[in-house]
Amino acid sequence: MTPRAPGAVQLVRAAADGAAARCPASGPGTGRVAACSGPSREKGAAATGLQAAALERVARSALRALIGRWRGGAVPDLPGDAFLGEAGIGLDSLEMLEAVADLNRRFGLSVTGVEDHLLVNRRLCDWGRLIEAHFDLVGDAAELTFSTSGSTGAPKEIDHRLPGLLAEVDALGGALWPDAADAPSRVLALVPAHHIFGFLLTVLLPGRLGVEVVDLSGKGPGALGRLGRPGDLVVATPHLLSLALNTMKPTGGLTAIVSGASTPDALWQMASDREVALIEIYGATETAGVGYRRSPHAGFALMPHLDRAGPGIFAAGRGQLDVQDRLRWLGPRSFVLEGRKDNVVQVAGVNVSPQATGRHLERTDGVAAATVRLDTQSGRLKAFVIAKPGKDEAVLEVALRMGAEALPAAARPARYTFGLRLPTTPAGKLSDW
């Protein structure tokens, strides 16, 4: 990917100077925090919908994830005009370098040299305008990188070209709202913007539709009931939407799009009871969106920008898509899912590997064998453990739970069962318990 050479350096410098002018000095020695002001440039934004405010929100989402990883616990809100250094929200020089490196990895900022200016202009509102300048420069050559969850091993980095992502949201918007008058008036984001689902539905889609985004990703479940209004589009995982709907009374006029995990029948019923129109999108970080449906009894409609290719799916410019599930086709453009090709399950919208959790448990002193499954009633993992001779099961369970704290929350078993042998079917295969 190469920048448009003529004027590239000047454009980046102009963006940096503009950021400094719109974000007056704050932080060390100033005694004040000044608000960002002034409009962003419209050159690239008009073509892509990637305006500075939306890119600032992506940067904030990614930075909050990093701070959570570094320090644990609750992450404070990050206003756009807050100074990011040690005299502001407290990032030291090494953390600043890692934060900039993370955004460089996501957006390929080194191509235009924008990442150097992020280290000088240390506010999120500055970063939004600088990243916008980057996209102005690279145009249709822009690429973005998203990380998988790493549920079956190390997280993988997946590259997507911006034109392909824009084609997806344009096609989806046209399919869901063929009459522009029916399009949502606002987008309420319950998901982080730096993951691919959040980026597509809370950054690109509202940018193309020209509608406001209300970021609820750091709010409690009751925020949707307080702030939602007819005409809004809610973007969430099934788990997050379930939590939010549990706090709401029936209301008409809301639409919700969910992805990131299969949508249970109970959520379809809850949405119906709350008079919320529900749309489920099937996809993954590797493929982006693949299909959508409006009913649990319907097959998934293939995304309009994709085509069926024999038993698989073809995307122009990308070739055959490697979908994670086995598909059964109901027609030329409709399919149902028949289980994962791997053994991953989803807990609260997070992909986890029961086998990996089982191997982790078996490394605990005193465990002879362990197997882990999804408990379909609770939606959490459960473990069946065989203790070595002489080991007290109550003491061993405490050790197992302490050891599981090293795993992501979704990968920790919520229930432990002990026995003398692993449960099996008459044919000798592992069975449920």
Protein backbone atom coordinates (compact mmCIF):
# COMPACT_ATOMS: atom_id res chain seq x y z
CA MET A 1 0.00 0.00 0.00
CA THR A 2 1.58 3.32 -1.03
CA PRO A 3 0.46 6.87 -0.30
CA ARG A 4 -0.45 9.35 -2.95
CA ALA A 5 2.97 10.94 -3.07
CA PRO A 6 2.21 14.52 -4.23
CA GLY A 7 1.44 16.58 -1.17
CA ALA A 8 1.35 13.59 1.19
CA VAL A 9 3.76 15.01 3.74
CA GLN A 10 2.11 18.41 3.53
CA LEU A 11 -1.35 16.92 4.12
CA VAL A 12 -0.22 15.01 7.20
CA ARG A 13 1.53 18.07 8.57
CA ALA A 14 -1.55 20.16 7.88
CA ALA A 15 -3.67 17.64 9.79
CA ALA A 16 -1.24 17.74 12.69
CA ASP A 17 -1.18 21.54 12.69
CA GLY A 18 -4.97 21.57 12.44
CA ALA A 19 -5.27 19.19 15.35
CA ALA A 20 -3.00 21.38 17.44
CA ALA A 21 -5.05 24.44 16.53
CA ARG A 22 -8.40 22.78 17.24
CA CYS A 23 -7.13 21.07 20.41
CA PRO A 24 -5.42 23.95 22.27
CA ALA A 25 -2.61 22.98 24.56
CA SER A 26 -3.61 21.15 27.69
CA GLY A 27 -1.85 18.84 30.04
CA PRO A 28 1.59 19.62 31.51
CA GLY A 29 1.90 23.17 32.71
CA THR A 30 -1.33 24.50 31.21
CA GLY A 31 -3.72 24.03 34.11
CA ARG A 32 -6.65 23.29 31.81
CA VAL A 33 -8.20 20.76 29.47
CA ALA A 34 -9.39 22.35 26.25
CA ALA A 35 -12.08 20.93 24.00
CA CYS A 36 -11.51 19.94 20.42
CA SER A 37 -13.42 22.11 18.01
CA GLY A 38 -13.81 22.74 14.34
CA PRO A 39 -15.02 20.49 11.54
CA SER A 40 -13.02 17.65 10.09
CA ARG A 41 -12.06 17.71 6.45
CA GLU A 42 -14.60 16.17 4.14
CA LYS A 43 -12.44 14.98 1.25
CA GLY A 44 -11.94 11.37 2.34
CA ALA A 45 -14.88 11.37 4.72
CA ALA A 46 -17.37 12.03 1.96
CA ALA A 47 -16.16 9.03 0.02
CA THR A 48 -15.80 6.56 2.89
CA GLY A 49 -17.79 7.84 5.86
CA LEU A 50 -14.58 7.68 7.90
CA GLN A 51 -14.78 11.05 9.59
CA ALA A 52 -12.48 12.11 12.39
CA ALA A 53 -15.12 11.68 15.12
CA ALA A 54 -15.72 8.05 14.13
CA LEU A 55 -12.00 7.30 13.95
CA GLU A 56 -11.51 8.94 17.34
CA ARG A 57 -14.09 6.49 18.70
CA VAL A 58 -12.18 3.53 17.22
CA ALA A 59 -8.95 4.80 18.75
CA ARG A 60 -10.68 5.26 22.12
CA SER A 61 -12.09 1.72 21.98
CA ALA A 62 -8.70 0.21 21.14
CA LEU A 63 -6.95 2.27 23.82
CA ARG A 64 -9.49 1.28 26.48
CA ALA A 65 -8.83 -2.38 25.62
CA LEU A 66 -5.09 -1.84 26.01
CA ILE A 67 -5.45 -0.04 29.35
CA GLY A 68 -7.70 -2.84 30.59
CA ARG A 69 -5.03 -5.36 29.63
CA TRP A 70 -2.23 -3.37 31.24
CA ARG A 71 -3.90 -2.47 34.50
CA GLY A 72 -6.97 -4.66 34.89
CA GLY A 73 -10.20 -3.57 36.50
CA ALA A 74 -12.47 -0.79 35.30
CA VAL A 75 -11.15 1.54 32.60
CA PRO A 76 -12.00 5.23 33.02
CA ASP A 77 -13.75 7.17 30.31
CA LEU A 78 -11.38 8.84 27.87
CA PRO A 79 -12.65 12.24 26.72
CA GLY A 80 -11.40 13.35 23.34
CA ASP A 81 -9.60 16.36 24.79
CA ALA A 82 -7.94 14.55 27.70
CA PHE A 83 -4.15 14.61 27.62
CA LEU A 84 -2.96 11.00 27.22
CA GLY A 85 0.48 11.40 28.80
CA GLU A 86 1.54 10.97 32.40
CA ALA A 87 0.25 14.43 33.37
CA GLY A 88 -3.16 13.52 31.94
CA ILE A 89 -4.69 10.05 32.08
CA GLY A 90 -1.32 8.64 33.11
CA LEU A 91 0.17 6.77 30.15
CA ASP A 92 3.94 6.55 30.48
CA SER A 93 6.30 6.73 27.50
CA LEU A 94 6.34 2.96 26.94
CA GLU A 95 2.54 2.74 27.06
CA MET A 96 2.28 5.62 24.59
CA LEU A 97 4.59 3.78 22.20
CA GLU A 98 2.55 0.60 22.52
CA ALA A 99 -0.73 2.47 21.98
CA VAL A 100 0.58 4.12 18.81
CA ALA A 101 2.03 0.81 17.61
CA ASP A 102 -1.37 -0.80 18.12
CA LEU A 103 -3.11 1.82 15.96
CA ASN A 104 -0.36 1.53 13.36
CA ARG A 105 -1.00 -2.21 13.19
CA ARG A 106 -4.73 -1.67 12.79
CA PHE A 107 -4.60 1.09 10.19
CA GLY A 108 -1.17 0.80 8.54
CA LEU A 109 -0.32 4.36 9.55
CA SER A 110 3.41 4.00 8.81
CA VAL A 111 2.60 4.17 5.11
CA THR A 112 1.83 7.86 5.46
CA GLY A 113 3.96 8.61 8.52
CA VAL A 114 0.92 9.56 10.59
CA GLU A 115 2.02 7.44 13.54
CA ASP A 116 4.93 9.82 14.24
CA HIS A 117 2.45 12.67 14.74
CA LEU A 118 0.36 10.62 17.19
CA LEU A 119 3.30 10.67 19.59
CA VAL A 120 3.43 14.47 19.45
CA ASN A 121 -0.31 15.21 19.44
CA ARG A 122 -1.40 13.28 22.51
CA ARG A 123 -5.16 13.59 22.53
CA LEU A 124 -7.78 11.34 21.01
CA CYS A 125 -9.33 14.23 19.11
CA ASP A 126 -5.90 14.85 17.56
CA TRP A 127 -5.62 11.17 16.68
CA GLY A 128 -9.01 11.09 14.99
CA ARG A 129 -8.08 13.92 12.61
CA LEU A 130 -4.65 12.48 11.90
CA ILE A 131 -6.04 9.03 11.09
CA GLU A 132 -8.62 10.71 8.85
CA ALA A 133 -5.72 12.37 6.99
CA HIS A 134 -4.15 8.93 6.57
CA PHE A 135 -7.29 7.56 4.92
CA ASP A 136 -7.50 10.65 2.71
CA LEU A 137 -4.06 9.80 1.40
CA VAL A 138 -4.29 6.05 0.86
CA GLY A 139 -7.80 6.12 -0.64
CA ASP A 140 -8.92 2.83 -2.17
CA ALA A 141 -5.63 1.18 -1.19
CA ALA A 142 -6.54 1.39 2.49
CA GLU A 143 -6.30 -1.81 4.50
CA LEU A 144 -7.40 -2.49 8.06
CA THR A 145 -6.29 -5.27 10.39
CA PHE A 146 -8.54 -6.97 12.93
CA SER A 147 -7.57 -9.62 15.48
CA THR A 148 -9.41 -12.86 16.12
CA SER A 149 -10.27 -13.87 19.67
CA GLY A 150 -7.47 -16.43 19.90
CA SER A 151 -9.84 -19.03 21.30
CA THR A 152 -8.09 -21.95 19.62
CA GLY A 153 -4.53 -20.64 19.84
CA ALA A 154 -2.70 -17.37 19.37
CA PRO A 155 -4.90 -14.57 17.99
CA LYS A 156 -4.61 -14.15 14.24
CA GLU A 157 -4.40 -10.85 12.44
CA ILE A 158 -6.79 -10.60 9.51
CA ASP A 159 -6.40 -7.93 6.83
CA HIS A 160 -9.41 -6.45 5.05
CA ARG A 161 -9.36 -3.89 2.26
CA LEU A 162 -11.53 -0.89 2.98
CA PRO A 163 -13.41 -1.00 -0.37
CA GLY A 164 -14.56 -4.54 0.41
CA LEU A 165 -15.87 -3.53 3.83
CA LEU A 166 -17.65 -0.53 2.34
CA ALA A 167 -19.23 -2.76 -0.30
CA GLU A 168 -20.56 -4.97 2.49
CA VAL A 169 -22.20 -2.19 4.51
CA ASP A 170 -23.63 -0.60 1.35
CA ALA A 171 -25.12 -3.92 0.25
CA LEU A 172 -26.46 -4.69 3.72
CA GLY A 173 -27.98 -1.24 4.08
CA GLY A 174 -29.67 -1.55 0.70
CA ALA A 175 -31.06 -4.98 1.57
CA LEU A 176 -32.36 -4.02 5.02
CA TRP A 177 -33.70 -0.59 4.10
CA PRO A 178 -34.44 -0.47 0.37
CA ASP A 179 -36.42 2.70 1.00
CA ALA A 180 -34.01 5.29 2.42
CA ALA A 181 -36.88 6.74 4.45
CA ASP A 182 -36.91 3.55 6.55
CA ALA A 183 -33.21 3.72 7.44
CA PRO A 184 -32.37 4.22 11.13
CA SER A 185 -32.17 7.74 12.51
CA ARG A 186 -29.41 6.84 14.99
CA VAL A 187 -27.11 3.93 15.78
CA LEU A 188 -26.73 2.89 19.43
CA ALA A 189 -23.43 1.04 19.83
CA LEU A 190 -23.22 -1.56 22.61
CA VAL A 191 -20.11 -3.18 21.10
CA PRO A 192 -16.51 -1.88 20.91
CA ALA A 193 -15.68 -0.10 17.67
CA HIS A 194 -12.23 -1.67 17.18
CA HIS A 195 -13.60 -5.19 16.55
CA ILE A 196 -14.74 -5.94 13.03
CA PHE A 197 -18.47 -6.19 13.83
CA GLY A 198 -18.40 -2.90 15.71
CA PHE A 199 -16.35 -1.24 12.99
CA LEU A 200 -18.70 -2.32 10.21
CA LEU A 201 -21.98 -1.54 11.97
CA THR A 202 -21.10 1.41 14.23
CA VAL A 203 -18.45 3.17 12.13
CA LEU A 204 -18.84 2.45 8.43
CA LEU A 205 -22.62 1.93 8.24
CA PRO A 206 -23.66 5.12 10.09
CA GLY A 207 -20.98 7.00 8.18
CA ARG A 208 -22.51 5.92 4.88
CA LEU A 209 -26.05 6.61 6.14
CA GLY A 210 -25.03 9.94 7.61
CA VAL A 211 -26.60 9.27 11.00
CA GLU A 212 -25.51 9.92 14.58
CA VAL A 213 -23.83 7.25 16.71
CA VAL A 214 -24.49 7.05 20.45
CA ASP A 215 -21.75 5.02 22.14
CA LEU A 216 -23.21 2.88 24.94
CA SER A 217 -20.35 0.37 25.00
CA GLY A 218 -19.11 1.59 28.38
CA LYS A 219 -22.55 2.03 29.93
CA GLY A 220 -24.67 -0.29 32.07
CA PRO A 221 -27.43 -2.48 30.57
CA GLY A 222 -30.12 0.03 31.59
CA ALA A 223 -28.73 2.73 29.27
CA LEU A 224 -30.60 1.31 26.28
CA GLY A 225 -33.95 1.61 28.03
CA ARG A 226 -33.20 5.19 29.07
CA LEU A 227 -31.75 6.48 25.81
CA GLY A 228 -33.33 4.36 23.07
CA ARG A 229 -36.10 5.87 20.97
CA PRO A 230 -38.17 4.82 17.94
CA GLY A 231 -36.11 4.71 14.78
CA ASP A 232 -32.87 3.71 16.52
CA LEU A 233 -30.69 0.81 15.40
CA VAL A 234 -29.06 -1.08 18.29
CA VAL A 235 -25.81 -2.95 17.54
CA ALA A 236 -24.89 -5.60 20.10
CA THR A 237 -23.82 -9.17 20.73
CA PRO A 238 -26.66 -11.53 21.73
CA HIS A 239 -25.39 -11.55 25.32
CA LEU A 240 -25.25 -7.76 25.62
CA LEU A 241 -28.65 -7.32 23.99
CA SER A 242 -30.17 -9.89 26.37
CA LEU A 243 -28.85 -7.97 29.38
CA ALA A 244 -30.20 -4.69 27.99
CA LEU A 245 -33.64 -6.06 27.05
CA ASN A 246 -34.03 -7.53 30.53
CA THR A 247 -34.11 -3.97 31.88
CA MET A 248 -36.63 -2.66 29.33
CA LYS A 249 -40.37 -2.48 29.03
CA PRO A 250 -42.03 -3.16 25.67
CA THR A 251 -41.31 -0.35 23.23
CA GLY A 252 -42.00 -0.01 19.55
CA GLY A 253 -39.77 1.26 16.79
CA LEU A 254 -36.38 -0.18 17.81
CA THR A 255 -34.35 -2.46 15.55
CA ALA A 256 -31.40 -4.50 16.84
CA ILE A 257 -28.63 -6.20 14.87
CA VAL A 258 -26.67 -8.88 16.70
CA SER A 259 -23.60 -10.90 15.77
CA GLY A 260 -20.60 -12.54 17.39
CA ALA A 261 -22.48 -15.61 18.65
CA SER A 262 -25.52 -17.66 17.73
CA THR A 263 -28.76 -16.06 18.86
CA PRO A 264 -30.69 -18.28 21.31
CA ASP A 265 -34.43 -18.80 20.90
CA ALA A 266 -34.98 -17.06 24.24
CA LEU A 267 -33.50 -13.82 22.87
CA TRP A 268 -35.69 -13.93 19.75
CA GLN A 269 -38.70 -14.30 22.06
CA MET A 270 -37.52 -11.55 24.39
CA ALA A 271 -37.04 -9.16 21.48
CA SER A 272 -40.53 -9.97 20.23
CA ASP A 273 -41.98 -9.39 23.71
CA ARG A 274 -40.20 -5.99 23.88
CA GLU A 275 -41.40 -5.11 20.36
CA VAL A 276 -37.83 -4.92 19.06
CA ALA A 277 -37.21 -6.04 15.47
CA LEU A 278 -34.23 -8.39 15.61
CA ILE A 279 -31.72 -9.13 12.82
CA GLU A 280 -28.96 -11.71 13.22
CA ILE A 281 -25.77 -11.50 11.16
CA TYR A 282 -23.58 -14.54 10.61
CA GLY A 283 -19.90 -13.92 10.03
CA ALA A 284 -16.44 -13.86 11.59
CA THR A 285 -13.32 -11.74 11.75
CA GLU A 286 -11.86 -13.76 8.88
CA THR A 287 -14.85 -13.38 6.56
CA ALA A 288 -16.70 -10.26 7.80
CA GLY A 289 -20.46 -10.60 7.34
CA VAL A 290 -21.70 -13.61 5.37
CA GLY A 291 -25.47 -13.79 5.88
CA TYR A 292 -28.39 -12.34 7.81
CA ARG A 293 -31.86 -13.36 8.93
CA ARG A 294 -34.87 -11.79 10.65
CA SER A 295 -36.35 -14.94 12.21
CA PRO A 296 -35.01 -17.99 14.06
CA HIS A 297 -37.09 -20.17 11.73
CA ALA A 298 -35.55 -18.78 8.53
CA GLY A 299 -32.32 -19.57 6.78
CA PHE A 300 -29.61 -16.96 6.48
CA ALA A 301 -29.83 -14.84 3.33
CA LEU A 302 -26.43 -14.57 1.67
CA MET A 303 -25.05 -11.04 1.83
CA PRO A 304 -25.86 -9.26 -1.43
CA HIS A 305 -22.20 -8.63 -2.29
CA LEU A 306 -21.34 -12.36 -2.03
CA ASP A 307 -22.09 -15.33 -4.30
CA ARG A 308 -22.51 -19.05 -3.80
CA ALA A 309 -19.69 -21.11 -5.33
CA GLY A 310 -20.60 -24.80 -5.15
CA PRO A 311 -20.80 -25.69 -1.47
CA GLY A 312 -18.91 -22.54 -0.46
CA ILE A 313 -19.06 -18.76 -0.73
CA PHE A 314 -17.16 -16.48 -3.10
CA ALA A 315 -16.27 -12.81 -2.56
CA ALA A 316 -15.12 -10.66 -5.48
CA GLY A 317 -11.50 -9.67 -5.01
CA ARG A 318 -10.98 -12.16 -2.20
CA GLY A 319 -11.93 -15.54 -3.64
CA GLN A 320 -13.39 -18.42 -1.66
CA LEU A 321 -14.26 -17.57 1.95
CA ASP A 322 -13.18 -19.96 4.68
CA VAL A 323 -16.34 -20.01 6.81
CA GLN A 324 -16.12 -21.59 10.26
CA ASP A 325 -19.30 -23.66 10.06
CA ARG A 326 -20.71 -26.39 7.89
CA LEU A 327 -23.40 -24.93 5.63
CA ARG A 328 -26.48 -26.60 4.21
CA TRP A 329 -27.90 -24.69 1.28
CA LEU A 330 -31.66 -24.21 1.07
CA GLY A 331 -31.46 -22.48 -2.28
CA PRO A 332 -29.12 -20.37 -4.42
CA ARG A 333 -28.81 -17.65 -1.75
CA SER A 334 -30.07 -19.14 1.51
CA PHE A 335 -28.37 -21.48 3.99
CA VAL A 336 -28.55 -22.87 7.52
CA LEU A 337 -25.69 -23.71 9.86
CA GLU A 338 -24.95 -27.32 10.78
CA GLY A 339 -22.25 -26.90 13.41
CA ARG A 340 -18.70 -25.65 13.62
CA LYS A 341 -15.93 -27.25 11.62
CA ASP A 342 -13.77 -26.98 14.75
CA ASN A 343 -14.83 -27.57 18.34
CA VAL A 344 -15.17 -23.95 19.41
CA VAL A 345 -18.26 -22.85 21.35
CA GLN A 346 -19.44 -19.37 22.23
CA VAL A 347 -19.88 -18.10 25.77
CA ALA A 348 -21.43 -14.63 26.14
CA GLY A 349 -20.45 -13.88 22.56
CA VAL A 350 -16.83 -14.99 23.01
CA ASN A 351 -15.35 -17.94 21.11
CA VAL A 352 -13.76 -20.42 23.51
CA SER A 353 -12.27 -23.88 23.10
CA PRO A 354 -13.51 -26.42 25.68
CA GLN A 355 -10.61 -28.68 24.72
CA ALA A 356 -8.07 -25.94 25.50
CA THR A 357 -9.74 -25.31 28.86
CA GLY A 358 -9.68 -29.05 29.58
CA ARG A 359 -5.96 -29.23 28.85
CA HIS A 360 -5.41 -26.26 31.18
CA LEU A 361 -7.31 -28.03 33.99
CA GLU A 362 -5.35 -31.24 33.50
CA ARG A 363 -2.13 -29.35 34.30
CA THR A 364 -3.43 -28.79 37.86
CA ASP A 365 -1.67 -30.94 40.43
CA GLY A 366 -3.98 -33.76 41.51
CA VAL A 367 -6.02 -34.00 38.28
CA ALA A 368 -5.93 -37.33 36.48
CA ALA A 369 -8.22 -36.30 33.61
CA ALA A 370 -10.73 -33.58 32.73
CA THR A 371 -13.24 -32.87 30.01
CA VAL A 372 -15.10 -29.62 29.41
CA ARG A 373 -18.37 -28.87 27.64
CA LEU A 374 -20.83 -26.04 27.18
CA ASP A 375 -23.70 -26.18 29.66
CA THR A 376 -26.67 -25.40 27.43
CA GLN A 377 -28.81 -24.38 30.40
CA SER A 378 -26.48 -21.77 31.90
CA GLY A 379 -24.58 -20.84 28.74
CA ARG A 380 -21.26 -21.27 30.62
CA LEU A 381 -18.65 -24.02 30.50
CA LYS A 382 -18.82 -27.00 32.85
CA ALA A 383 -16.04 -29.45 33.73
CA PHE A 384 -15.99 -33.14 34.65
CA VAL A 385 -12.83 -34.02 36.59
CA ILE A 386 -11.21 -37.27 37.76
CA ALA A 387 -9.03 -36.68 40.81
CA LYS A 388 -5.86 -38.65 41.40
CA PRO A 389 -6.05 -41.18 44.26
CA GLY A 390 -5.91 -39.58 47.67
CA LYS A 391 -6.83 -36.09 46.50
CA ASP A 392 -9.66 -34.33 48.33
CA GLU A 393 -12.19 -33.17 45.72
CA ALA A 394 -13.25 -30.04 47.61
CA VAL A 395 -9.63 -28.90 47.97
CA LEU A 396 -8.97 -29.79 44.34
CA GLU A 397 -11.94 -27.71 43.15
CA VAL A 398 -10.55 -24.67 44.94
CA ALA A 399 -7.20 -25.23 43.19
CA LEU A 400 -8.93 -25.66 39.82
CA ARG A 401 -10.89 -22.45 40.22
CA MET A 402 -7.78 -20.54 41.24
CA GLY A 403 -5.86 -21.92 38.27
CA ALA A 404 -8.70 -21.05 35.90
CA GLU A 405 -8.31 -17.38 36.81
CA ALA A 406 -5.45 -17.35 34.29
CA LEU A 407 -8.03 -17.98 31.54
CA PRO A 408 -10.36 -15.40 30.00
CA ALA A 409 -13.60 -15.19 31.98
CA ALA A 410 -15.62 -16.87 29.24
CA ALA A 411 -13.24 -19.86 29.21
CA ARG A 412 -13.54 -20.59 32.94
CA PRO A 413 -15.86 -23.45 33.94
CA ALA A 414 -18.72 -22.28 36.15
CA ARG A 415 -19.51 -25.78 37.43
CA TYR A 416 -17.29 -28.73 38.37
CA THR A 417 -18.40 -32.34 38.65
CA PHE A 418 -16.13 -35.09 40.02
CA GLY A 419 -16.27 -38.80 39.27
CA LEU A 420 -14.23 -41.98 38.96
CA ARG A 421 -14.40 -42.13 35.15
CA LEU A 422 -15.26 -39.75 32.34
CA PRO A 423 -18.88 -40.05 31.10
CA THR A 424 -19.16 -42.01 27.86
CA THR A 425 -21.83 -43.39 25.53
CA PRO A 426 -22.31 -47.16 25.07
CA ALA A 427 -20.06 -46.78 22.01
CA GLY A 428 -17.28 -45.41 24.20
CA LYS A 429 -17.44 -41.79 23.05
CA LEU A 430 -17.43 -38.93 25.53
CA SER A 431 -20.97 -37.97 26.48
CA ASP A 432 -22.76 -35.20 28.32
CA TRP A 433 -23.43 -35.25 32.06
